[in-house]
Amino acid sequence: MLKRTLTLLYIVLAVCGAAIAQPDSSVSSYEPNGLRISLLTCGVGDYVYETFGHTAIRVIDSSAEPPFNDRVYNYGMFNGYDEHFELKFMRGKLRYYVSTEFFGDFMEEYYEYGRSVDEQVLTMSNEQKREIKEYLDINALPQNRYYKYDFFFDNCATRIRDIFPNVIGKDFVYGATEAVSKRITFRDIMNRYFYRRHWERTGVNILLGSRIDKVMTNEDIMFLPAYLSDGLAAATVAGKPFSSKPEELLPDRQGLVKGPNMALVLCAGLMLLTLIVNMISARVQWPARIVNALMLIISGLLGVIILFMWFGTDHQGCSNNYNILWALPTNLVLAFSRRPGRGRYAIIALVLCGISMLLPLMRVQGTIPELLLLQLGLMIVYISVWRKQGQVAIKAK
């Protein structure tokens, strides 16, 4: 499951009963020759770790006894009670694993939370079905089940995405998704899913680097369950359809709505406050000193976190993060320093901040309005520091 995405680094990754599952009748009506394999695509939820949905594989085996004849293979599991869990997650070293569970239990959980579940039955030869099931069973063995999770490049959806071309071979071709007709980056699609969660969207855009600003391929976008479903819906094997159209097993009952963007309000407020107090600093200096120090401390702390996520973790999406050009860790020193070199430092920092604001135009690293407002506020601070240092130098002469 795409659980515990970056809520500033902290995220955790069942009764319909017989009325929904009905394993005995589904086996006999769908697959008289033994195996029926389908993709389950689960809708988004209200919790942060449910923001991107989930995907799993359902296998119905008529040769097994209920409830063992109807099982779900789930690549999104982890041990939340693992020793040093928080540190391992933050550093990208937390091991996820594939588990198996009864279909009725799986559906009960999603019914309880009001999340939708769609199913696509996959059309394969008996031999291909046996190979897929064998692949899943081998993956679920204790010695094989663990893998190092990566949100963009190795998650519950990408693990399933890679099964079909690996097992079926070159005759398998995914159908076209939105990524074929549009230039969409990982950051673009991530921000689209965060439409209700403005604080989380702002936080992850600070912490994620330029690697996620790559334009996605058709297969890349299938790191998200909904797009994996799209790709499979139009997939072919030797030119023949591979999947049925998605069928709704559970409707969405959450009614999620978009709330006010308080992150934007706060960033705009900080920028305007910085501008106002520096405009009146000639008459009253202490408000500007406090606000400027606050902006420098905030940006400096963000810079320290950016460096830690870049060099101190295995999160691939946090590398090459050019937000470090405006969120300078050295701003922590500038916030408390009164040394003569403050003016020269402010000029250098101002130039670096200006460069960082040009990077989205050069398609190097994307940004969002909240970050642009923070950058503008910092530029005001740097200009103020430079001007005041120049005034001190003139007075000294």
Protein backbone atom coordinates (compact mmCIF):
# COMPACT_ATOMS: atom_id res chain seq x y z
CA MET A 1 0.00 0.00 0.00
CA LEU A 2 1.19 3.49 -0.66
CA LYS A 3 1.17 4.08 3.08
CA ARG A 4 3.09 6.64 5.06
CA THR A 5 3.97 9.04 2.23
CA LEU A 6 5.81 12.17 3.49
CA THR A 7 3.57 13.90 6.07
CA LEU A 8 6.73 15.71 6.71
CA LEU A 9 8.36 12.33 6.91
CA TYR A 10 5.94 10.32 8.96
CA ILE A 11 3.50 8.03 7.57
CA VAL A 12 2.15 4.47 8.24
CA LEU A 13 2.07 2.43 5.70
CA ALA A 14 -12.37 -5.98 6.42
CA VAL A 15 -18.32 -6.88 7.04
CA CYS A 16 -19.09 -7.44 3.60
CA GLY A 17 -18.91 -11.16 4.30
CA ALA A 18 -20.51 -13.58 1.94
CA ALA A 19 -22.68 -10.85 0.42
CA ILE A 20 -19.57 -9.29 -1.13
CA ALA A 21 -16.99 -12.04 -1.39
CA GLN A 22 -19.05 -15.16 -2.13
CA PRO A 23 -15.95 -17.22 -2.95
CA ASP A 24 -17.66 -20.48 -3.86
CA SER A 25 -20.03 -19.07 -6.47
CA SER A 26 -17.36 -16.78 -7.95
CA VAL A 27 -15.03 -19.71 -8.59
CA SER A 28 -17.58 -21.83 -10.37
CA SER A 29 -19.04 -18.97 -12.44
CA TYR A 30 -15.76 -17.36 -13.49
CA GLU A 31 -13.15 -20.03 -13.83
CA PRO A 32 -14.14 -23.66 -14.37
CA ASN A 33 -10.56 -24.61 -15.24
CA GLY A 34 -8.98 -23.73 -11.87
CA LEU A 35 -7.52 -20.21 -11.63
CA ARG A 36 -8.93 -16.72 -11.93
CA ILE A 37 -6.56 -13.77 -11.50
CA SER A 38 -7.63 -10.15 -11.22
CA LEU A 39 -6.32 -6.73 -10.28
CA LEU A 40 -7.87 -4.90 -7.33
CA THR A 41 -7.63 -1.10 -7.39
CA CYS A 42 -8.59 0.71 -4.21
CA GLY A 43 -9.58 4.35 -4.07
CA VAL A 44 -8.00 7.11 -2.05
CA GLY A 45 -8.82 7.57 1.62
CA ASP A 46 -9.07 10.25 4.24
CA TYR A 47 -5.74 9.51 5.91
CA VAL A 48 -2.47 10.80 4.51
CA TYR A 49 -1.12 7.33 3.81
CA GLU A 50 -4.30 6.61 1.80
CA THR A 51 -3.90 9.64 -0.46
CA PHE A 52 -2.66 7.71 -3.49
CA GLY A 53 -4.86 4.62 -3.30
CA HIS A 54 -3.70 1.01 -3.30
CA THR A 55 -3.46 -1.99 -5.58
CA ALA A 56 -3.29 -5.76 -5.05
CA ILE A 57 -3.77 -9.04 -6.91
CA ARG A 58 -6.68 -11.41 -6.25
CA VAL A 59 -6.27 -15.12 -7.03
CA ILE A 60 -9.23 -17.52 -6.96
CA ASP A 61 -8.15 -21.17 -7.01
CA SER A 62 -11.01 -23.67 -7.41
CA SER A 63 -8.75 -26.53 -6.33
CA ALA A 64 -8.44 -25.12 -2.78
CA GLU A 65 -10.92 -25.19 0.08
CA PRO A 66 -12.68 -21.98 1.26
CA PRO A 67 -11.52 -19.49 2.40
CA PHE A 68 -8.08 -20.49 1.03
CA ASN A 69 -9.48 -20.54 -2.50
CA ASP A 70 -9.85 -16.74 -2.62
CA ARG A 71 -6.76 -14.80 -1.57
CA VAL A 72 -5.24 -11.38 -2.07
CA TYR A 73 -1.50 -10.75 -2.60
CA ASN A 74 -0.60 -7.40 -1.07
CA TYR A 75 2.81 -5.78 -1.65
CA GLY A 76 2.22 -2.80 0.64
CA MET A 77 2.80 -4.22 4.12
CA PHE A 78 5.35 -3.33 6.81
CA ASN A 79 5.92 -3.87 10.51
CA GLY A 80 4.98 -0.70 12.36
CA TYR A 81 6.37 -2.21 15.57
CA ASP A 82 9.83 -2.78 14.11
CA GLU A 83 12.70 -1.58 16.28
CA HIS A 84 13.70 1.99 15.39
CA PHE A 85 10.75 2.13 12.98
CA GLU A 86 10.64 5.93 12.71
CA LEU A 87 14.36 6.28 12.00
CA LYS A 88 14.30 3.49 9.41
CA PHE A 89 11.36 5.08 7.64
CA MET A 90 12.93 8.53 7.59
CA ARG A 91 16.19 7.14 6.20
CA GLY A 92 14.45 5.06 3.52
CA LYS A 93 15.66 1.78 5.01
CA LEU A 94 12.32 0.39 6.15
CA ARG A 95 11.60 -3.02 4.66
CA TYR A 96 8.17 -3.60 3.15
CA TYR A 97 6.86 -7.05 2.27
CA VAL A 98 4.25 -8.95 0.30
CA SER A 99 1.57 -10.68 2.34
CA THR A 100 -1.42 -12.86 1.57
CA GLU A 101 -4.85 -12.48 3.13
CA PHE A 102 -8.35 -13.79 2.58
CA PHE A 103 -10.38 -11.76 0.11
CA GLY A 104 -13.23 -11.34 2.61
CA ASP A 105 -10.86 -9.79 5.18
CA PHE A 106 -9.39 -7.48 2.55
CA MET A 107 -12.84 -6.25 1.48
CA GLU A 108 -14.00 -5.82 5.06
CA GLU A 109 -11.24 -3.29 5.73
CA TYR A 110 -12.12 -1.17 2.70
CA TYR A 111 -15.85 -1.39 3.42
CA GLU A 112 -15.20 -0.17 6.97
CA TYR A 113 -13.33 2.91 5.74
CA GLY A 114 -15.74 3.64 2.88
CA ARG A 115 -13.07 3.33 0.19
CA SER A 116 -13.88 2.10 -3.29
CA VAL A 117 -12.59 -1.19 -4.72
CA ASP A 118 -12.64 -2.00 -8.46
CA GLU A 119 -11.71 -5.35 -10.02
CA GLN A 120 -10.30 -6.20 -13.45
CA VAL A 121 -10.26 -9.87 -14.47
CA LEU A 122 -7.09 -10.73 -16.42
CA THR A 123 -7.34 -12.86 -19.56
CA MET A 124 -4.49 -15.35 -19.78
CA SER A 125 -3.83 -18.91 -20.79
CA ASN A 126 -3.94 -21.55 -18.07
CA GLU A 127 -0.16 -21.84 -18.23
CA GLN A 128 0.31 -18.09 -17.80
CA LYS A 129 -2.06 -18.09 -14.81
CA ARG A 130 -0.09 -20.88 -13.18
CA GLU A 131 3.14 -18.96 -13.80
CA ILE A 132 1.71 -15.78 -12.30
CA LYS A 133 0.47 -17.65 -9.20
CA GLU A 134 3.81 -19.42 -8.83
CA TYR A 135 5.59 -16.06 -9.13
CA LEU A 136 3.39 -14.59 -6.40
CA ASP A 137 3.79 -17.61 -4.12
CA ILE A 138 7.58 -17.52 -4.47
CA ASN A 139 7.57 -13.78 -3.73
CA ALA A 140 5.51 -14.40 -0.59
CA LEU A 141 8.00 -16.88 0.88
CA PRO A 142 9.69 -15.61 4.07
CA GLN A 143 13.10 -15.45 2.40
CA ASN A 144 11.78 -13.47 -0.61
CA ARG A 145 8.95 -11.33 0.71
CA TYR A 146 10.90 -8.26 1.84
CA TYR A 147 12.01 -5.31 -0.28
CA LYS A 148 13.19 -1.76 0.34
CA TYR A 149 10.26 0.51 -0.36
CA ASP A 150 10.56 3.62 -2.50
CA PHE A 151 7.44 5.73 -3.03
CA PHE A 152 8.06 6.59 -6.69
CA PHE A 153 10.17 3.72 -7.96
CA ASP A 154 9.45 0.59 -5.88
CA ASN A 155 6.02 0.40 -4.26
CA CYS A 156 2.92 -1.80 -4.23
CA ALA A 157 1.90 -0.71 -7.75
CA THR A 158 5.32 -0.93 -9.43
CA ARG A 159 5.86 -4.41 -7.96
CA ILE A 160 2.63 -5.59 -9.62
CA ARG A 161 3.28 -3.56 -12.79
CA ASP A 162 6.52 -5.46 -13.40
CA ILE A 163 5.02 -8.94 -12.91
CA PHE A 164 3.18 -9.23 -16.22
CA PRO A 165 5.96 -8.29 -18.68
CA ASN A 166 8.45 -10.35 -16.66
CA VAL A 167 6.30 -13.49 -16.59
CA ILE A 168 4.44 -13.26 -19.91
CA GLY A 169 7.30 -11.78 -21.93
CA LYS A 170 7.54 -9.54 -24.97
CA ASP A 171 4.03 -10.39 -26.20
CA PHE A 172 2.64 -8.36 -23.29
CA VAL A 173 2.18 -4.63 -23.99
CA TYR A 174 0.64 -2.08 -21.64
CA GLY A 175 -2.03 0.23 -23.00
CA ALA A 176 -1.51 3.97 -23.33
CA THR A 177 -2.14 6.17 -20.31
CA GLU A 178 -2.26 9.93 -19.83
CA ALA A 179 1.53 10.03 -19.80
CA VAL A 180 1.64 9.15 -23.52
CA SER A 181 -0.27 12.24 -24.65
CA LYS A 182 0.96 14.76 -22.06
CA ARG A 183 4.26 15.86 -20.55
CA ILE A 184 3.63 14.94 -16.92
CA THR A 185 6.28 14.76 -14.21
CA PHE A 186 6.21 12.81 -10.96
CA ARG A 187 5.83 16.14 -9.15
CA ASP A 188 2.87 17.15 -11.33
CA ILE A 189 0.93 13.97 -10.59
CA MET A 190 1.86 13.99 -6.90
CA ASN A 191 0.57 17.54 -6.49
CA ARG A 192 -2.64 16.56 -8.28
CA TYR A 193 -3.31 13.87 -5.65
CA PHE A 194 -2.51 16.29 -2.84
CA TYR A 195 -5.35 18.63 -3.92
CA ARG A 196 -6.93 18.42 -0.43
CA ARG A 197 -3.75 18.31 1.65
CA HIS A 198 -2.00 21.64 1.24
CA TRP A 199 0.39 21.37 4.17
CA GLU A 200 1.60 17.94 3.09
CA ARG A 201 1.92 19.11 -0.53
CA THR A 202 4.01 22.08 0.54
CA GLY A 203 6.20 19.92 2.78
CA VAL A 204 6.97 17.22 0.23
CA ASN A 205 7.69 19.82 -2.47
CA ILE A 206 10.37 21.25 -0.19
CA LEU A 207 11.91 17.86 0.53
CA LEU A 208 11.77 16.24 -2.92
CA GLY A 209 14.46 17.03 -5.45
CA SER A 210 14.81 17.38 -9.20
CA ARG A 211 14.69 13.64 -9.91
CA ILE A 212 10.89 13.71 -9.64
CA ASP A 213 10.73 16.48 -12.26
CA LYS A 214 11.53 13.95 -14.96
CA VAL A 215 8.77 13.58 -17.58
CA MET A 216 7.17 10.20 -16.94
CA THR A 217 6.99 7.37 -19.43
CA ASN A 218 3.87 5.24 -19.85
CA GLU A 219 5.28 2.72 -17.37
CA ASP A 220 6.54 5.38 -14.93
CA ILE A 221 3.07 6.78 -14.26
CA MET A 222 1.90 3.31 -13.20
CA PHE A 223 3.58 3.82 -9.85
CA LEU A 224 0.06 5.01 -8.98
CA PRO A 225 -2.67 2.36 -8.71
CA ALA A 226 -5.25 4.24 -10.81
CA TYR A 227 -2.83 4.51 -13.75
CA LEU A 228 -1.78 0.88 -13.42
CA SER A 229 -5.48 0.06 -13.78
CA ASP A 230 -5.67 2.27 -16.90
CA GLY A 231 -2.60 0.61 -18.42
CA LEU A 232 -3.96 -2.87 -17.79
CA ALA A 233 -7.45 -1.98 -19.09
CA ALA A 234 -5.96 -1.37 -22.54
CA ALA A 235 -3.11 -3.92 -22.34
CA THR A 236 -2.71 -6.68 -24.90
CA VAL A 237 -0.99 -10.05 -25.21
CA ALA A 238 -0.03 -10.85 -28.78
CA GLY A 239 -2.53 -8.20 -29.84
CA LYS A 240 -5.44 -9.63 -27.83
CA PRO A 241 -7.08 -7.82 -24.86
CA PHE A 242 -5.53 -8.74 -21.52
CA SER A 243 -8.01 -7.28 -19.05
CA SER A 244 -11.70 -6.73 -18.61
CA LYS A 245 -13.01 -3.26 -17.87
CA PRO A 246 -12.91 -2.33 -14.18
CA GLU A 247 -15.98 -3.54 -12.26
CA GLU A 248 -17.00 -1.80 -9.06
CA LEU A 249 -17.03 -4.09 -6.03
CA LEU A 250 -17.32 -1.32 -3.45
CA PRO A 251 -18.41 2.29 -4.05
CA ASP A 252 -16.67 5.29 -2.58
CA ARG A 253 -18.63 6.45 0.49
CA GLN A 254 -16.28 9.09 1.87
CA GLY A 255 -17.34 12.31 0.16
CA LEU A 256 -13.90 13.92 0.45
CA VAL A 257 -13.86 17.66 -0.21
CA LYS A 258 -11.15 20.23 -0.78
CA GLY A 259 -10.49 22.54 2.13
CA PRO A 260 -9.01 26.06 2.26
CA ASN A 261 -5.33 26.39 1.40
CA MET A 262 -4.05 27.59 4.76
CA ALA A 263 -0.45 26.85 3.73
CA LEU A 264 -0.76 29.43 0.95
CA VAL A 265 -2.36 31.91 3.35
CA LEU A 266 0.48 31.50 5.84
CA CYS A 267 3.23 31.82 3.22
CA ALA A 268 1.53 34.88 1.72
CA GLY A 269 1.16 36.34 5.20
CA LEU A 270 4.83 35.80 6.00
CA MET A 271 5.92 37.39 2.74
CA LEU A 272 3.66 40.44 3.21
CA LEU A 273 4.66 40.80 6.86
CA THR A 274 8.33 40.69 5.85
CA LEU A 275 7.74 43.35 3.22
CA ILE A 276 5.80 45.67 5.55
CA VAL A 277 8.14 45.53 8.55
CA ASN A 278 11.16 46.16 6.33
CA MET A 279 9.45 49.12 4.68
CA ILE A 280 8.89 50.76 8.09
CA SER A 281 12.25 49.71 9.55
CA ALA A 282 13.64 53.20 9.11
CA ARG A 283 11.23 54.37 11.82
CA VAL A 284 10.78 51.20 13.92
CA GLN A 285 13.56 48.63 13.63
CA TRP A 286 12.68 45.87 16.10
CA PRO A 287 9.76 44.31 14.11
CA ALA A 288 12.04 43.87 11.08
CA ARG A 289 14.76 42.30 13.20
CA ILE A 290 12.33 39.76 14.65
CA VAL A 291 10.62 38.87 11.36
CA ASN A 292 13.87 38.71 9.40
CA ALA A 293 15.42 36.44 12.04
CA LEU A 294 12.33 34.23 11.94
CA MET A 295 12.52 33.88 8.14
CA LEU A 296 16.22 33.06 8.31
CA ILE A 297 15.73 30.48 11.06
CA ILE A 298 12.86 28.78 9.21
CA SER A 299 14.77 28.61 5.93
CA GLY A 300 17.95 27.48 7.69
CA LEU A 301 16.19 24.62 9.46
CA LEU A 302 14.55 23.58 6.20
CA GLY A 303 17.99 23.56 4.60
CA VAL A 304 19.34 21.23 7.31
CA ILE A 305 16.43 18.83 6.73
CA ILE A 306 16.94 18.98 2.94
CA LEU A 307 20.60 18.04 3.33
CA PHE A 308 19.73 15.18 5.68
CA MET A 309 17.10 13.79 3.29
CA TRP A 310 19.49 14.17 0.34
CA PHE A 311 22.68 12.70 1.77
CA GLY A 312 21.56 10.88 4.91
CA THR A 313 18.74 8.74 3.49
CA ASP A 314 18.06 6.26 0.67
CA HIS A 315 14.97 8.12 -0.60
CA GLN A 316 15.75 8.47 -4.32
CA GLY A 317 13.24 11.28 -4.77
CA CYS A 318 15.09 13.50 -2.27
CA SER A 319 18.36 13.66 -4.22
CA ASN A 320 19.52 16.66 -6.26
CA ASN A 321 17.25 19.01 -4.35
CA TYR A 322 17.91 22.55 -5.56
CA ASN A 323 15.66 24.04 -2.90
CA ILE A 324 18.94 24.15 -1.01
CA LEU A 325 19.75 27.27 -3.07
CA TRP A 326 17.17 29.31 -1.13
CA ALA A 327 16.84 27.25 2.06
CA LEU A 328 20.48 27.78 3.03
CA PRO A 329 21.52 26.04 6.28
CA THR A 330 23.95 28.93 6.83
CA ASN A 331 20.95 31.22 7.32
CA LEU A 332 20.90 29.92 10.89
CA VAL A 333 24.22 31.71 11.39
CA LEU A 334 23.08 34.87 9.59
CA ALA A 335 19.99 35.06 11.85
CA PHE A 336 22.19 35.69 14.91
CA SER A 337 25.35 37.17 13.41
CA ARG A 338 26.23 40.87 13.47
CA ARG A 339 29.62 40.54 11.77
CA PRO A 340 30.65 42.86 8.90
CA GLY A 341 30.48 40.08 6.29
CA ARG A 342 26.70 39.94 6.52
CA GLY A 343 26.27 42.23 3.51
CA ARG A 344 28.42 40.12 1.18
CA TYR A 345 26.69 36.95 2.37
CA ALA A 346 23.28 38.56 1.74
CA ILE A 347 24.23 39.41 -1.86
CA ILE A 348 25.40 35.83 -2.54
CA ALA A 349 22.27 34.41 -0.92
CA LEU A 350 20.10 36.81 -2.93
CA VAL A 351 21.67 35.62 -6.21
CA LEU A 352 21.26 31.96 -5.26
CA CYS A 353 17.63 32.53 -4.32
CA GLY A 354 17.02 34.27 -7.64
CA ILE A 355 18.57 31.33 -9.50
CA SER A 356 16.33 28.90 -7.62
CA MET A 357 13.28 30.86 -8.77
CA LEU A 358 14.39 30.50 -12.40
CA LEU A 359 14.81 26.71 -12.25
CA PRO A 360 11.11 25.94 -12.88
CA LEU A 361 11.26 28.04 -16.04
CA MET A 362 14.26 25.99 -17.17
CA ARG A 363 12.41 22.74 -16.30
CA VAL A 364 15.14 21.77 -13.85
CA GLN A 365 13.01 21.53 -10.71
CA GLY A 366 9.35 22.34 -10.27
CA THR A 367 7.84 24.52 -7.62
CA ILE A 368 4.48 25.57 -6.18
CA PRO A 369 3.04 29.01 -5.25
CA GLU A 370 3.71 28.50 -1.54
CA LEU A 371 7.44 28.07 -2.12
CA LEU A 372 7.62 31.04 -4.47
CA LEU A 373 6.14 33.21 -1.73
CA LEU A 374 8.74 31.97 0.76
CA GLN A 375 11.49 32.73 -1.74
CA LEU A 376 10.19 36.25 -2.30
CA GLY A 377 10.10 36.80 1.45
CA LEU A 378 13.70 35.66 1.78
CA MET A 379 14.81 37.95 -1.02
CA ILE A 380 13.30 40.87 0.90
CA VAL A 381 15.27 39.78 3.97
CA TYR A 382 18.54 39.52 2.02
CA ILE A 383 18.05 42.97 0.48
CA SER A 384 17.31 44.41 3.92
CA VAL A 385 20.43 42.85 5.44
CA TRP A 386 22.58 44.11 2.58
CA ARG A 387 21.20 47.66 2.81
CA LYS A 388 21.60 47.87 6.55
CA GLN A 389 25.14 46.56 6.39
CA GLY A 390 25.92 49.21 3.80
CA GLN A 391 24.46 51.91 6.05
CA VAL A 392 26.61 50.69 8.95
CA ALA A 393 29.70 50.83 6.75
CA ILE A 394 28.90 54.42 5.68
CA LYS A 395 28.44 55.51 9.28
CA ALA A 396 31.74 53.90 10.25
CA LYS A 397 33.55 56.08 7.75
